Amino acid sequence: MEFDFSLLRDIHEGEPPVDFSYGFLWWLALIVVLAAVYYSIYRLLPLFAAIRRLNKIDLNNEAFIPLINYWLKETALIMYPRDVVAPLYGLNWLRFLDQTGNTNFEAFTDAWERVIYDWQNIEVPMNEKKMLVKECKKWIYSNIRRRIWGR
């Protein structure tokens, strides 16, 4: 004699639920990856804006070196605490830039302070201006990882 399973309908209603644990893990992994991408982009937006500002500085501007120095200070404040960046100037400032990035700003040590404080009377050659912009870009690109993962 066979048992009539329809009598168990009030105890067992149809098929057992499907196990969605793997699907849930895939969705969770996707959400984590998207959150990481969003966080990285959010942290990098100020650096992208800084690169745009650097590209807008005119090489033929008389105050090119003071503008570059201002840009460097402003950009360094994005990544480093104010009490570390603010008191630096001259040779100490250039050393800080070299230590925090893969750059060679100390090559500009001889003329840096003279040009910063007397920029109206000192002409900087165009090739040195281009080298300085190149060093600025190297510095900001070497600090991208630091900006993503914290101060």
C-alpha atoms as a PDB file:
ATOM      1  CA  MET A   1       0.000   0.000   0.000  1.00  0.00           C
ATOM      2  CA  GLU A   2       1.271   3.407  -0.918  1.00  0.00           C
ATOM      3  CA  PHE A   3       1.095   6.436   1.277  1.00  0.00           C
ATOM      4  CA  ASP A   4      -0.915   9.410   0.010  1.00  0.00           C
ATOM      5  CA  PHE A   5       1.506  12.349   0.246  1.00  0.00           C
ATOM      6  CA  SER A   6      -1.236  14.862  -0.450  1.00  0.00           C
ATOM      7  CA  LEU A   7      -2.290  14.412   3.151  1.00  0.00           C
ATOM      8  CA  LEU A   8       0.966  16.059   4.230  1.00  0.00           C
ATOM      9  CA  ARG A   9       0.219  19.297   2.352  1.00  0.00           C
ATOM     10  CA  ASP A  10      -0.376  21.238   5.560  1.00  0.00           C
ATOM     11  CA  ILE A  11       3.055  20.152   6.867  1.00  0.00           C
ATOM     12  CA  HIS A  12       5.068  20.378   3.634  1.00  0.00           C
ATOM     13  CA  GLU A  13       4.003  22.890   1.003  1.00  0.00           C
ATOM     14  CA  GLY A  14       5.676  21.969  -2.255  1.00  0.00           C
ATOM     15  CA  GLU A  15       9.351  22.066  -3.187  1.00  0.00           C
ATOM     16  CA  PRO A  16      11.978  23.074  -0.660  1.00  0.00           C
ATOM     17  CA  PRO A  17      13.447  26.560  -1.169  1.00  0.00           C
ATOM     18  CA  VAL A  18      16.464  26.824  -3.451  1.00  0.00           C
ATOM     19  CA  ASP A  19      19.798  27.537  -1.758  1.00  0.00           C
ATOM     20  CA  PHE A  20      20.812  31.069  -2.813  1.00  0.00           C
ATOM     21  CA  SER A  21      23.988  31.260  -0.721  1.00  0.00           C
ATOM     22  CA  TYR A  22      26.361  31.371  -3.723  1.00  0.00           C
ATOM     23  CA  GLY A  23      24.276  33.954  -5.510  1.00  0.00           C
ATOM     24  CA  PHE A  24      24.229  36.050  -2.355  1.00  0.00           C
ATOM     25  CA  LEU A  25      28.029  35.847  -2.101  1.00  0.00           C
ATOM     26  CA  TRP A  26      28.437  36.972  -5.724  1.00  0.00           C
ATOM     27  CA  TRP A  27      26.173  39.965  -5.115  1.00  0.00           C
ATOM     28  CA  LEU A  28      28.033  40.784  -1.925  1.00  0.00           C
ATOM     29  CA  ALA A  29      31.398  40.577  -3.748  1.00  0.00           C
ATOM     30  CA  LEU A  30      30.074  42.835  -6.518  1.00  0.00           C
ATOM     31  CA  ILE A  31      28.871  45.395  -3.987  1.00  0.00           C
ATOM     32  CA  VAL A  32      32.247  45.362  -2.202  1.00  0.00           C
ATOM     33  CA  VAL A  33      34.146  45.841  -5.483  1.00  0.00           C
ATOM     34  CA  LEU A  34      31.862  48.690  -6.554  1.00  0.00           C
ATOM     35  CA  ALA A  35      32.253  50.333  -3.155  1.00  0.00           C
ATOM     36  CA  ALA A  36      36.060  50.081  -3.429  1.00  0.00           C
ATOM     37  CA  VAL A  37      36.025  51.618  -6.910  1.00  0.00           C
ATOM     38  CA  TYR A  38      33.715  54.416  -5.755  1.00  0.00           C
ATOM     39  CA  TYR A  39      35.914  55.090  -2.706  1.00  0.00           C
ATOM     40  CA  SER A  40      39.069  55.216  -4.851  1.00  0.00           C
ATOM     41  CA  ILE A  41      37.531  57.610  -7.350  1.00  0.00           C
ATOM     42  CA  TYR A  42      36.124  59.766  -4.551  1.00  0.00           C
ATOM     43  CA  ARG A  43      39.550  60.005  -2.909  1.00  0.00           C
ATOM     44  CA  LEU A  44      41.268  60.798  -6.230  1.00  0.00           C
ATOM     45  CA  LEU A  45      38.943  63.589  -7.388  1.00  0.00           C
ATOM     46  CA  PRO A  46      40.960  66.322  -5.608  1.00  0.00           C
ATOM     47  CA  LEU A  47      44.133  65.075  -7.303  1.00  0.00           C
ATOM     48  CA  PHE A  48      42.473  65.110 -10.716  1.00  0.00           C
ATOM     49  CA  ALA A  49      41.423  68.701 -10.030  1.00  0.00           C
ATOM     50  CA  ALA A  50      44.990  69.532  -8.978  1.00  0.00           C
ATOM     51  CA  ILE A  51      46.371  68.093 -12.210  1.00  0.00           C
ATOM     52  CA  ARG A  52      43.895  70.229 -14.175  1.00  0.00           C
ATOM     53  CA  ARG A  53      45.014  73.331 -12.227  1.00  0.00           C
ATOM     54  CA  LEU A  54      48.667  72.491 -12.940  1.00  0.00           C
ATOM     55  CA  ASN A  55      47.954  72.192 -16.647  1.00  0.00           C
ATOM     56  CA  LYS A  56      46.258  75.624 -16.593  1.00  0.00           C
ATOM     57  CA  ILE A  57      49.362  77.394 -15.261  1.00  0.00           C
ATOM     58  CA  ASP A  58      50.825  79.300 -18.181  1.00  0.00           C
ATOM     59  CA  LEU A  59      54.523  78.685 -18.825  1.00  0.00           C
ATOM     60  CA  ASN A  60      54.894  82.265 -20.090  1.00  0.00           C
ATOM     61  CA  ASN A  61      53.499  83.808 -16.910  1.00  0.00           C
ATOM     62  CA  GLU A  62      56.005  86.058 -15.115  1.00  0.00           C
ATOM     63  CA  ALA A  63      54.973  84.629 -11.743  1.00  0.00           C
ATOM     64  CA  PHE A  64      55.335  81.030 -12.904  1.00  0.00           C
ATOM     65  CA  ILE A  65      57.577  79.843 -10.036  1.00  0.00           C
ATOM     66  CA  PRO A  66      55.453  81.397  -7.254  1.00  0.00           C
ATOM     67  CA  LEU A  67      52.358  79.891  -8.885  1.00  0.00           C
ATOM     68  CA  ILE A  68      54.017  76.462  -8.988  1.00  0.00           C
ATOM     69  CA  ASN A  69      55.072  76.829  -5.356  1.00  0.00           C
ATOM     70  CA  TYR A  70      51.503  77.790  -4.396  1.00  0.00           C
ATOM     71  CA  TRP A  71      50.162  74.821  -6.380  1.00  0.00           C
ATOM     72  CA  LEU A  72      52.597  72.448  -4.654  1.00  0.00           C
ATOM     73  CA  LYS A  73      51.611  73.700  -1.182  1.00  0.00           C
ATOM     74  CA  GLU A  74      47.907  73.521  -2.003  1.00  0.00           C
ATOM     75  CA  THR A  75      48.231  69.993  -3.376  1.00  0.00           C
ATOM     76  CA  ALA A  76      50.418  68.814  -0.497  1.00  0.00           C
ATOM     77  CA  LEU A  77      47.724  69.959   1.925  1.00  0.00           C
ATOM     78  CA  ILE A  78      45.327  67.508   0.270  1.00  0.00           C
ATOM     79  CA  MET A  79      47.540  64.568   1.245  1.00  0.00           C
ATOM     80  CA  TYR A  80      49.477  65.637   4.324  1.00  0.00           C
ATOM     81  CA  PRO A  81      48.478  67.308   7.607  1.00  0.00           C
ATOM     82  CA  ARG A  82      48.668  71.066   7.728  1.00  0.00           C
ATOM     83  CA  ASP A  83      51.101  71.121  10.642  1.00  0.00           C
ATOM     84  CA  VAL A  84      53.596  69.126   8.533  1.00  0.00           C
ATOM     85  CA  VAL A  85      53.302  71.108   5.283  1.00  0.00           C
ATOM     86  CA  ALA A  86      52.685  74.701   6.420  1.00  0.00           C
ATOM     87  CA  PRO A  87      56.016  75.470   8.138  1.00  0.00           C
ATOM     88  CA  LEU A  88      58.145  74.161   5.254  1.00  0.00           C
ATOM     89  CA  TYR A  89      59.878  76.558   2.868  1.00  0.00           C
ATOM     90  CA  GLY A  90      63.061  76.786   0.843  1.00  0.00           C
ATOM     91  CA  LEU A  91      65.427  73.823   0.976  1.00  0.00           C
ATOM     92  CA  ASN A  92      63.351  72.012   3.622  1.00  0.00           C
ATOM     93  CA  TRP A  93      60.284  72.286   1.380  1.00  0.00           C
ATOM     94  CA  LEU A  94      62.153  70.864  -1.610  1.00  0.00           C
ATOM     95  CA  ARG A  95      63.553  68.029   0.515  1.00  0.00           C
ATOM     96  CA  PHE A  96      60.053  67.226   1.760  1.00  0.00           C
ATOM     97  CA  LEU A  97      58.838  67.030  -1.844  1.00  0.00           C
ATOM     98  CA  ASP A  98      61.703  64.727  -2.771  1.00  0.00           C
ATOM     99  CA  GLN A  99      61.141  62.490   0.252  1.00  0.00           C
ATOM    100  CA  THR A 100      57.403  62.147  -0.344  1.00  0.00           C
ATOM    101  CA  GLY A 101      57.644  61.572  -4.074  1.00  0.00           C
ATOM    102  CA  ASN A 102      59.974  60.084  -6.617  1.00  0.00           C
ATOM    103  CA  THR A 103      61.264  63.497  -7.686  1.00  0.00           C
ATOM    104  CA  ASN A 104      64.363  65.671  -7.839  1.00  0.00           C
ATOM    105  CA  PHE A 105      63.219  69.113  -6.702  1.00  0.00           C
ATOM    106  CA  GLU A 106      66.544  69.688  -4.962  1.00  0.00           C
ATOM    107  CA  ALA A 107      68.023  70.329  -8.405  1.00  0.00           C
ATOM    108  CA  PHE A 108      66.221  73.686  -8.241  1.00  0.00           C
ATOM    109  CA  THR A 109      67.658  74.607  -4.821  1.00  0.00           C
ATOM    110  CA  ASP A 110      70.082  77.296  -6.033  1.00  0.00           C
ATOM    111  CA  ALA A 111      67.482  79.483  -7.661  1.00  0.00           C
ATOM    112  CA  TRP A 112      64.313  78.494  -5.809  1.00  0.00           C
ATOM    113  CA  GLU A 113      64.265  81.136  -3.064  1.00  0.00           C
ATOM    114  CA  ARG A 114      65.708  83.860  -5.280  1.00  0.00           C
ATOM    115  CA  VAL A 115      62.975  83.335  -7.844  1.00  0.00           C
ATOM    116  CA  ILE A 116      60.187  82.943  -5.264  1.00  0.00           C
ATOM    117  CA  TYR A 117      60.909  86.291  -3.621  1.00  0.00           C
ATOM    118  CA  ASP A 118      62.179  88.272  -6.617  1.00  0.00           C
ATOM    119  CA  TRP A 119      60.257  86.782  -9.547  1.00  0.00           C
ATOM    120  CA  GLN A 120      59.813  90.110 -11.347  1.00  0.00           C
ATOM    121  CA  ASN A 121      63.563  90.549 -11.935  1.00  0.00           C
ATOM    122  CA  ILE A 122      64.674  86.970 -12.657  1.00  0.00           C
ATOM    123  CA  GLU A 123      63.913  85.217 -15.930  1.00  0.00           C
ATOM    124  CA  VAL A 124      63.600  81.436 -15.765  1.00  0.00           C
ATOM    125  CA  PRO A 125      64.415  79.571 -19.005  1.00  0.00           C
ATOM    126  CA  MET A 126      61.568  77.704 -20.674  1.00  0.00           C
ATOM    127  CA  ASN A 127      63.292  74.310 -20.450  1.00  0.00           C
ATOM    128  CA  GLU A 128      63.603  74.684 -16.656  1.00  0.00           C
ATOM    129  CA  LYS A 129      59.932  75.585 -16.418  1.00  0.00           C
ATOM    130  CA  LYS A 130      59.037  72.446 -18.367  1.00  0.00           C
ATOM    131  CA  MET A 131      61.312  70.360 -16.137  1.00  0.00           C
ATOM    132  CA  LEU A 132      59.593  71.825 -13.077  1.00  0.00           C
ATOM    133  CA  VAL A 133      56.135  70.948 -14.407  1.00  0.00           C
ATOM    134  CA  LYS A 134      57.408  67.447 -15.173  1.00  0.00           C
ATOM    135  CA  GLU A 135      58.673  67.081 -11.592  1.00  0.00           C
ATOM    136  CA  CYS A 136      55.319  68.316 -10.268  1.00  0.00           C
ATOM    137  CA  LYS A 137      53.496  65.670 -12.282  1.00  0.00           C
ATOM    138  CA  LYS A 138      55.912  62.968 -11.100  1.00  0.00           C
ATOM    139  CA  TRP A 139      55.337  64.061  -7.511  1.00  0.00           C
ATOM    140  CA  ILE A 140      51.553  63.968  -7.717  1.00  0.00           C
ATOM    141  CA  TYR A 141      51.500  60.605  -9.522  1.00  0.00           C
ATOM    142  CA  SER A 142      53.806  59.092  -6.910  1.00  0.00           C
ATOM    143  CA  ASN A 143      51.423  60.252  -4.160  1.00  0.00           C
ATOM    144  CA  ILE A 144      48.261  58.759  -5.651  1.00  0.00           C
ATOM    145  CA  ARG A 145      48.545  55.550  -3.604  1.00  0.00           C
ATOM    146  CA  ARG A 146      48.951  57.577  -0.407  1.00  0.00           C
ATOM    147  CA  ARG A 147      45.827  59.565  -1.198  1.00  0.00           C
ATOM    148  CA  ILE A 148      43.707  56.455  -1.810  1.00  0.00           C
ATOM    149  CA  TRP A 149      44.671  54.599   1.356  1.00  0.00           C
ATOM    150  CA  GLY A 150      44.660  57.418   3.863  1.00  0.00           C
ATOM    151  CA  ARG A 151      46.594  60.196   5.448  1.00  0.00           C
END
